[in-house]
Each structure stands twice: as C-alpha cells, then as structure tokens.
Amino acid sequence: MGAFDDDTAARVAADVRSGTRSATDVAQEHLDRIAAGDEEIHAYNTVLADEALARAVEIDERVAAGEDP
C-alpha cells in the first residue's frame, strides 16, 4: 500500500490541521511522485515546486500559530 492509497483531500487537510502531517511533507510527497513518474507519463507541462513548497511552509506556520489555514 502506497502513501497515497488512503489519502483523500479531507483526510490530508484534517491531518495537517491536527499536526499529524505537515503541509510541507505532503507537498514534497506529491512533488516526489510527480518527479518519479512524469518522465514516462508527461502529465505536467509546468510544475511549480518552489511555489508549492513556499505555500506549504506558510500553511505550516499558520497551523503552528494555532490558526486554521
């Protein structure tokens, strides 16, 4: 069973809000999955990895501050 098998958007959001997972880890997991398969699949024209990770850091900071991102 892979990391994505049980993930739904609602479950990932709940995990990030609760601190079980970080948004940065979630973003990196998805970017790694894109990198692993896109050479063969060519599903993406543009991957904004830096922007995705920067936004994930912002979300993690808000969670750490007790806010609901």
PDB file of N, CA and C in Angstrom:
ATOM      1  N   MET A   1       0.847  -1.175   0.000  1.00  0.00           N
ATOM      2  CA  MET A   1       0.000   0.000   0.000  1.00  0.00           C
ATOM      3  C   MET A   1       0.890   1.234   0.000  1.00  0.00           C
ATOM      4  N   GLY A   2       0.673   2.146  -0.940  1.00  0.00           N
ATOM      5  CA  GLY A   2       1.480   3.352  -1.043  1.00  0.00           C
ATOM      6  C   GLY A   2       0.970   4.471  -0.160  1.00  0.00           C
ATOM      7  N   ALA A   3       1.744   5.539  -0.105  1.00  0.00           N
ATOM      8  CA  ALA A   3       1.413   6.688   0.752  1.00  0.00           C
ATOM      9  C   ALA A   3       0.105   7.346   0.327  1.00  0.00           C
ATOM     10  N   PHE A   4      -0.283   7.177  -0.917  1.00  0.00           N
ATOM     11  CA  PHE A   4      -1.455   7.872  -1.427  1.00  0.00           C
ATOM     12  C   PHE A   4      -2.722   7.031  -1.393  1.00  0.00           C
ATOM     13  N   ASP A   5      -2.611   5.757  -1.075  1.00  0.00           N
ATOM     14  CA  ASP A   5      -3.741   4.848  -1.185  1.00  0.00           C
ATOM     15  C   ASP A   5      -4.939   5.254  -0.330  1.00  0.00           C
ATOM     16  N   ASP A   6      -4.694   5.760   0.864  1.00  0.00           N
ATOM     17  CA  ASP A   6      -5.782   6.127   1.760  1.00  0.00           C
ATOM     18  C   ASP A   6      -6.014   7.630   1.845  1.00  0.00           C
ATOM     19  N   ASP A   7      -5.290   8.406   1.056  1.00  0.00           N
ATOM     20  CA  ASP A   7      -5.404   9.861   1.133  1.00  0.00           C
ATOM     21  C   ASP A   7      -6.616  10.376   0.360  1.00  0.00           C
ATOM     22  N   THR A   8      -7.391  11.157   1.044  1.00  0.00           N
ATOM     23  CA  THR A   8      -8.402  11.976   0.393  1.00  0.00           C
ATOM     24  C   THR A   8      -8.062  13.408   0.758  1.00  0.00           C
ATOM     25  N   ALA A   9      -8.573  14.353   0.016  1.00  0.00           N
ATOM     26  CA  ALA A   9      -8.299  15.755   0.337  1.00  0.00           C
ATOM     27  C   ALA A   9      -8.744  16.076   1.758  1.00  0.00           C
ATOM     28  N   ALA A  10      -9.888  15.560   2.157  1.00  0.00           N
ATOM     29  CA  ALA A  10     -10.401  15.833   3.501  1.00  0.00           C
ATOM     30  C   ALA A  10      -9.499  15.230   4.572  1.00  0.00           C
ATOM     31  N   ARG A  11      -9.011  14.030   4.346  1.00  0.00           N
ATOM     32  CA  ARG A  11      -8.133  13.376   5.324  1.00  0.00           C
ATOM     33  C   ARG A  11      -6.798  14.118   5.427  1.00  0.00           C
ATOM     34  N   VAL A  12      -6.226  14.503   4.302  1.00  0.00           N
ATOM     35  CA  VAL A  12      -4.958  15.227   4.320  1.00  0.00           C
ATOM     36  C   VAL A  12      -5.137  16.561   5.037  1.00  0.00           C
ATOM     37  N   ALA A  13      -6.211  17.280   4.737  1.00  0.00           N
ATOM     38  CA  ALA A  13      -6.466  18.569   5.398  1.00  0.00           C
ATOM     39  C   ALA A  13      -6.615  18.392   6.903  1.00  0.00           C
ATOM     40  N   ALA A  14      -7.333  17.365   7.317  1.00  0.00           N
ATOM     41  CA  ALA A  14      -7.515  17.109   8.748  1.00  0.00           C
ATOM     42  C   ALA A  14      -6.184  16.766   9.405  1.00  0.00           C
ATOM     43  N   ASP A  15      -5.364  15.978   8.740  1.00  0.00           N
ATOM     44  CA  ASP A  15      -4.057  15.618   9.280  1.00  0.00           C
ATOM     45  C   ASP A  15      -3.156  16.840   9.425  1.00  0.00           C
ATOM     46  N   VAL A  16      -3.190  17.725   8.441  1.00  0.00           N
ATOM     47  CA  VAL A  16      -2.373  18.937   8.509  1.00  0.00           C
ATOM     48  C   VAL A  16      -2.880  19.842   9.630  1.00  0.00           C
ATOM     49  N   ARG A  17      -4.180  20.014   9.708  1.00  0.00           N
ATOM     50  CA  ARG A  17      -4.751  20.863  10.769  1.00  0.00           C
ATOM     51  C   ARG A  17      -4.428  20.331  12.166  1.00  0.00           C
ATOM     52  N   SER A  18      -4.389  19.008  12.316  1.00  0.00           N
ATOM     53  CA  SER A  18      -4.139  18.409  13.631  1.00  0.00           C
ATOM     54  C   SER A  18      -2.654  18.309  13.952  1.00  0.00           C
ATOM     55  N   GLY A  19      -1.813  18.520  12.960  1.00  0.00           N
ATOM     56  CA  GLY A  19      -0.376  18.405  13.165  1.00  0.00           C
ATOM     57  C   GLY A  19       0.161  17.007  12.962  1.00  0.00           C
ATOM     58  N   THR A  20      -0.697  16.082  12.564  1.00  0.00           N
ATOM     59  CA  THR A  20      -0.262  14.716  12.290  1.00  0.00           C
ATOM     60  C   THR A  20       0.710  14.673  11.118  1.00  0.00           C
ATOM     61  N   ARG A  21       0.458  15.503  10.141  1.00  0.00           N
ATOM     62  CA  ARG A  21       1.331  15.639   8.970  1.00  0.00           C
ATOM     63  C   ARG A  21       1.567  17.121   8.748  1.00  0.00           C
ATOM     64  N   SER A  22       2.694  17.445   8.157  1.00  0.00           N
ATOM     65  CA  SER A  22       2.932  18.844   7.810  1.00  0.00           C
ATOM     66  C   SER A  22       2.553  19.068   6.348  1.00  0.00           C
ATOM     67  N   ALA A  23       2.133  20.267   6.058  1.00  0.00           N
ATOM     68  CA  ALA A  23       1.811  20.614   4.676  1.00  0.00           C
ATOM     69  C   ALA A  23       3.057  20.506   3.806  1.00  0.00           C
ATOM     70  N   THR A  24       4.201  20.827   4.377  1.00  0.00           N
ATOM     71  CA  THR A  24       5.456  20.732   3.623  1.00  0.00           C
ATOM     72  C   THR A  24       5.736  19.284   3.241  1.00  0.00           C
ATOM     73  N   ASP A  25       5.537  18.357   4.170  1.00  0.00           N
ATOM     74  CA  ASP A  25       5.744  16.941   3.850  1.00  0.00           C
ATOM     75  C   ASP A  25       4.762  16.464   2.784  1.00  0.00           C
ATOM     76  N   VAL A  26       3.520  16.882   2.907  1.00  0.00           N
ATOM     77  CA  VAL A  26       2.506  16.488   1.924  1.00  0.00           C
ATOM     78  C   VAL A  26       2.882  17.016   0.537  1.00  0.00           C
ATOM     79  N   ALA A  27       3.257  18.277   0.472  1.00  0.00           N
ATOM     80  CA  ALA A  27       3.646  18.864  -0.814  1.00  0.00           C
ATOM     81  C   ALA A  27       4.850  18.133  -1.393  1.00  0.00           C
ATOM     82  N   GLN A  28       5.843  17.861  -0.550  1.00  0.00           N
ATOM     83  CA  GLN A  28       7.044  17.180  -1.039  1.00  0.00           C
ATOM     84  C   GLN A  28       6.730  15.768  -1.505  1.00  0.00           C
ATOM     85  N   GLU A  29       5.847  15.070  -0.804  1.00  0.00           N
ATOM     86  CA  GLU A  29       5.437  13.731  -1.235  1.00  0.00           C
ATOM     87  C   GLU A  29       4.828  13.775  -2.631  1.00  0.00           C
ATOM     88  N   HIS A  30       3.983  14.763  -2.877  1.00  0.00           N
ATOM     89  CA  HIS A  30       3.351  14.873  -4.184  1.00  0.00           C
ATOM     90  C   HIS A  30       4.362  15.281  -5.259  1.00  0.00           C
ATOM     91  N   LEU A  31       5.254  16.189  -4.928  1.00  0.00           N
ATOM     92  CA  LEU A  31       6.286  16.584  -5.895  1.00  0.00           C
ATOM     93  C   LEU A  31       7.202  15.406  -6.215  1.00  0.00           C
ATOM     94  N   ASP A  32       7.531  14.600  -5.213  1.00  0.00           N
ATOM     95  CA  ASP A  32       8.352  13.410  -5.458  1.00  0.00           C
ATOM     96  C   ASP A  32       7.637  12.430  -6.376  1.00  0.00           C
ATOM     97  N   ARG A  33       6.346  12.279  -6.162  1.00  0.00           N
ATOM     98  CA  ARG A  33       5.569  11.361  -7.006  1.00  0.00           C
ATOM     99  C   ARG A  33       5.511  11.870  -8.450  1.00  0.00           C
ATOM    100  N   ILE A  34       5.352  13.169  -8.602  1.00  0.00           N
ATOM    101  CA  ILE A  34       5.367  13.751  -9.957  1.00  0.00           C
ATOM    102  C   ILE A  34       6.721  13.484 -10.609  1.00  0.00           C
ATOM    103  N   ALA A  35       7.795  13.768  -9.882  1.00  0.00           N
ATOM    104  CA  ALA A  35       9.146  13.592 -10.431  1.00  0.00           C
ATOM    105  C   ALA A  35       9.424  12.138 -10.796  1.00  0.00           C
ATOM    106  N   ALA A  36       8.905  11.221 -10.018  1.00  0.00           N
ATOM    107  CA  ALA A  36       9.163   9.802 -10.259  1.00  0.00           C
ATOM    108  C   ALA A  36       8.480   9.282 -11.511  1.00  0.00           C
ATOM    109  N   GLY A  37       7.334   9.849 -11.875  1.00  0.00           N
ATOM    110  CA  GLY A  37       6.589   9.287 -12.983  1.00  0.00           C
ATOM    111  C   GLY A  37       6.430  10.158 -14.208  1.00  0.00           C
ATOM    112  N   ASP A  38       6.726  11.433 -14.082  1.00  0.00           N
ATOM    113  CA  ASP A  38       6.401  12.332 -15.189  1.00  0.00           C
ATOM    114  C   ASP A  38       7.305  12.159 -16.400  1.00  0.00           C
ATOM    115  N   GLU A  39       8.495  11.673 -16.203  1.00  0.00           N
ATOM    116  CA  GLU A  39       9.382  11.435 -17.342  1.00  0.00           C
ATOM    117  C   GLU A  39       8.746  10.447 -18.321  1.00  0.00           C
ATOM    118  N   GLU A  40       8.019   9.483 -17.774  1.00  0.00           N
ATOM    119  CA  GLU A  40       7.348   8.476 -18.597  1.00  0.00           C
ATOM    120  C   GLU A  40       5.950   8.924 -19.017  1.00  0.00           C
ATOM    121  N   ILE A  41       5.243   9.556 -18.094  1.00  0.00           N
ATOM    122  CA  ILE A  41       3.842   9.892 -18.331  1.00  0.00           C
ATOM    123  C   ILE A  41       3.665  11.219 -19.067  1.00  0.00           C
ATOM    124  N   HIS A  42       4.493  12.193 -18.756  1.00  0.00           N
ATOM    125  CA  HIS A  42       4.406  13.549 -19.335  1.00  0.00           C
ATOM    126  C   HIS A  42       3.047  14.175 -19.068  1.00  0.00           C
ATOM    127  N   ALA A  43       2.602  14.091 -17.827  1.00  0.00           N
ATOM    128  CA  ALA A  43       1.282  14.604 -17.463  1.00  0.00           C
ATOM    129  C   ALA A  43       1.287  16.100 -17.157  1.00  0.00           C
ATOM    130  N   TYR A  44       2.455  16.676 -16.914  1.00  0.00           N
ATOM    131  CA  TYR A  44       2.528  18.076 -16.493  1.00  0.00           C
ATOM    132  C   TYR A  44       3.387  18.882 -17.452  1.00  0.00           C
ATOM    133  N   ASN A  45       2.875  20.038 -17.858  1.00  0.00           N
ATOM    134  CA  ASN A  45       3.674  20.973 -18.641  1.00  0.00           C
ATOM    135  C   ASN A  45       4.564  21.802 -17.735  1.00  0.00           C
ATOM    136  N   THR A  46       4.024  22.188 -16.589  1.00  0.00           N
ATOM    137  CA  THR A  46       4.746  23.023 -15.635  1.00  0.00           C
ATOM    138  C   THR A  46       4.454  22.543 -14.224  1.00  0.00           C
ATOM    139  N   VAL A  47       5.499  22.383 -13.434  1.00  0.00           N
ATOM    140  CA  VAL A  47       5.360  22.038 -12.022  1.00  0.00           C
ATOM    141  C   VAL A  47       5.986  23.193 -11.233  1.00  0.00           C
ATOM    142  N   LEU A  48       5.193  23.841 -10.433  1.00  0.00           N
ATOM    143  CA  LEU A  48       5.651  24.993  -9.660  1.00  0.00           C
ATOM    144  C   LEU A  48       6.077  24.533  -8.263  1.00  0.00           C
ATOM    145  N   ALA A  49       7.147  23.768  -8.218  1.00  0.00           N
ATOM    146  CA  ALA A  49       7.603  23.146  -6.975  1.00  0.00           C
ATOM    147  C   ALA A  49       7.964  24.189  -5.922  1.00  0.00           C
ATOM    148  N   ASP A  50       8.731  25.192  -6.293  1.00  0.00           N
ATOM    149  CA  ASP A  50       9.141  26.202  -5.314  1.00  0.00           C
ATOM    150  C   ASP A  50       7.941  26.918  -4.722  1.00  0.00           C
ATOM    151  N   GLU A  51       6.986  27.244  -5.575  1.00  0.00           N
ATOM    152  CA  GLU A  51       5.786  27.936  -5.114  1.00  0.00           C
ATOM    153  C   GLU A  51       4.950  27.036  -4.207  1.00  0.00           C
ATOM    154  N   ALA A  52       4.837  25.768  -4.569  1.00  0.00           N
ATOM    155  CA  ALA A  52       4.068  24.819  -3.760  1.00  0.00           C
ATOM    156  C   ALA A  52       4.697  24.653  -2.382  1.00  0.00           C
ATOM    157  N   LEU A  53       6.010  24.522  -2.343  1.00  0.00           N
ATOM    158  CA  LEU A  53       6.683  24.351  -1.058  1.00  0.00           C
ATOM    159  C   LEU A  53       6.620  25.618  -0.218  1.00  0.00           C
ATOM    160  N   ALA A  54       6.717  26.779  -0.851  1.00  0.00           N
ATOM    161  CA  ALA A  54       6.609  28.042  -0.107  1.00  0.00           C
ATOM    162  C   ALA A  54       5.224  28.181   0.507  1.00  0.00           C
ATOM    163  N   ARG A  55       4.201  27.838  -0.234  1.00  0.00           N
ATOM    164  CA  ARG A  55       2.827  27.903   0.291  1.00  0.00           C
ATOM    165  C   ARG A  55       2.650  26.898   1.417  1.00  0.00           C
ATOM    166  N   ALA A  56       3.232  25.723   1.283  1.00  0.00           N
ATOM    167  CA  ALA A  56       3.135  24.711   2.331  1.00  0.00           C
ATOM    168  C   ALA A  56       3.787  25.199   3.623  1.00  0.00           C
ATOM    169  N   VAL A  57       4.916  25.875   3.512  1.00  0.00           N
ATOM    170  CA  VAL A  57       5.574  26.434   4.695  1.00  0.00           C
ATOM    171  C   VAL A  57       4.653  27.457   5.359  1.00  0.00           C
ATOM    172  N   GLU A  58       3.998  28.297   4.566  1.00  0.00           N
ATOM    173  CA  GLU A  58       3.055  29.278   5.118  1.00  0.00           C
ATOM    174  C   GLU A  58       1.927  28.579   5.880  1.00  0.00           C
ATOM    175  N   ILE A  59       1.417  27.517   5.323  1.00  0.00           N
ATOM    176  CA  ILE A  59       0.342  26.767   5.981  1.00  0.00           C
ATOM    177  C   ILE A  59       0.844  26.168   7.288  1.00  0.00           C
ATOM    178  N   ASP A  60       2.033  25.574   7.269  1.00  0.00           N
ATOM    179  CA  ASP A  60       2.594  25.001   8.495  1.00  0.00           C
ATOM    180  C   ASP A  60       2.787  26.072   9.570  1.00  0.00           C
ATOM    181  N   GLU A  61       3.209  27.252   9.168  1.00  0.00           N
ATOM    182  CA  GLU A  61       3.379  28.351  10.125  1.00  0.00           C
ATOM    183  C   GLU A  61       2.042  28.751  10.739  1.00  0.00           C
ATOM    184  N   ARG A  62       1.004  28.790   9.923  1.00  0.00           N
ATOM    185  CA  ARG A  62      -0.333  29.134  10.451  1.00  0.00           C
ATOM    186  C   ARG A  62      -0.830  28.066  11.406  1.00  0.00           C
ATOM    187  N   VAL A  63      -0.633  26.814  11.080  1.00  0.00           N
ATOM    188  CA  VAL A  63      -1.037  25.721  11.973  1.00  0.00           C
ATOM    189  C   VAL A  63      -0.274  25.835  13.291  1.00  0.00           C
ATOM    190  N   ALA A  64       1.029  26.085  13.220  1.00  0.00           N
ATOM    191  CA  ALA A  64       1.846  26.206  14.427  1.00  0.00           C
ATOM    192  C   ALA A  64       1.396  27.373  15.311  1.00  0.00           C
ATOM    193  N   ALA A  65       0.837  28.401  14.670  1.00  0.00           N
ATOM    194  CA  ALA A  65       0.351  29.568  15.403  1.00  0.00           C
ATOM    195  C   ALA A  65      -1.064  29.360  15.930  1.00  0.00           C
ATOM    196  N   GLY A  66      -1.639  28.177  15.693  1.00  0.00           N
ATOM    197  CA  GLY A  66      -2.975  27.869  16.171  1.00  0.00           C
ATOM    198  C   GLY A  66      -4.084  28.339  15.260  1.00  0.00           C
ATOM    199  N   GLU A  67      -3.732  28.774  14.068  1.00  0.00           N
ATOM    200  CA  GLU A  67      -4.745  29.228  13.111  1.00  0.00           C
ATOM    201  C   GLU A  67      -5.241  28.058  12.267  1.00  0.00           C
ATOM    202  N   ASP A  68      -6.388  28.247  11.659  1.00  0.00           N
ATOM    203  CA  ASP A  68      -6.932  27.280  10.723  1.00  0.00           C
ATOM    204  C   ASP A  68      -6.603  27.768   9.321  1.00  0.00           C
ATOM    205  N   PRO A  69      -5.712  27.065   8.663  1.00  0.00           N
ATOM    206  CA  PRO A  69      -5.262  27.554   7.344  1.00  0.00           C
ATOM    207  C   PRO A  69      -6.358  27.452   6.317  1.00  0.00           C
TER     208      PRO A  69
END
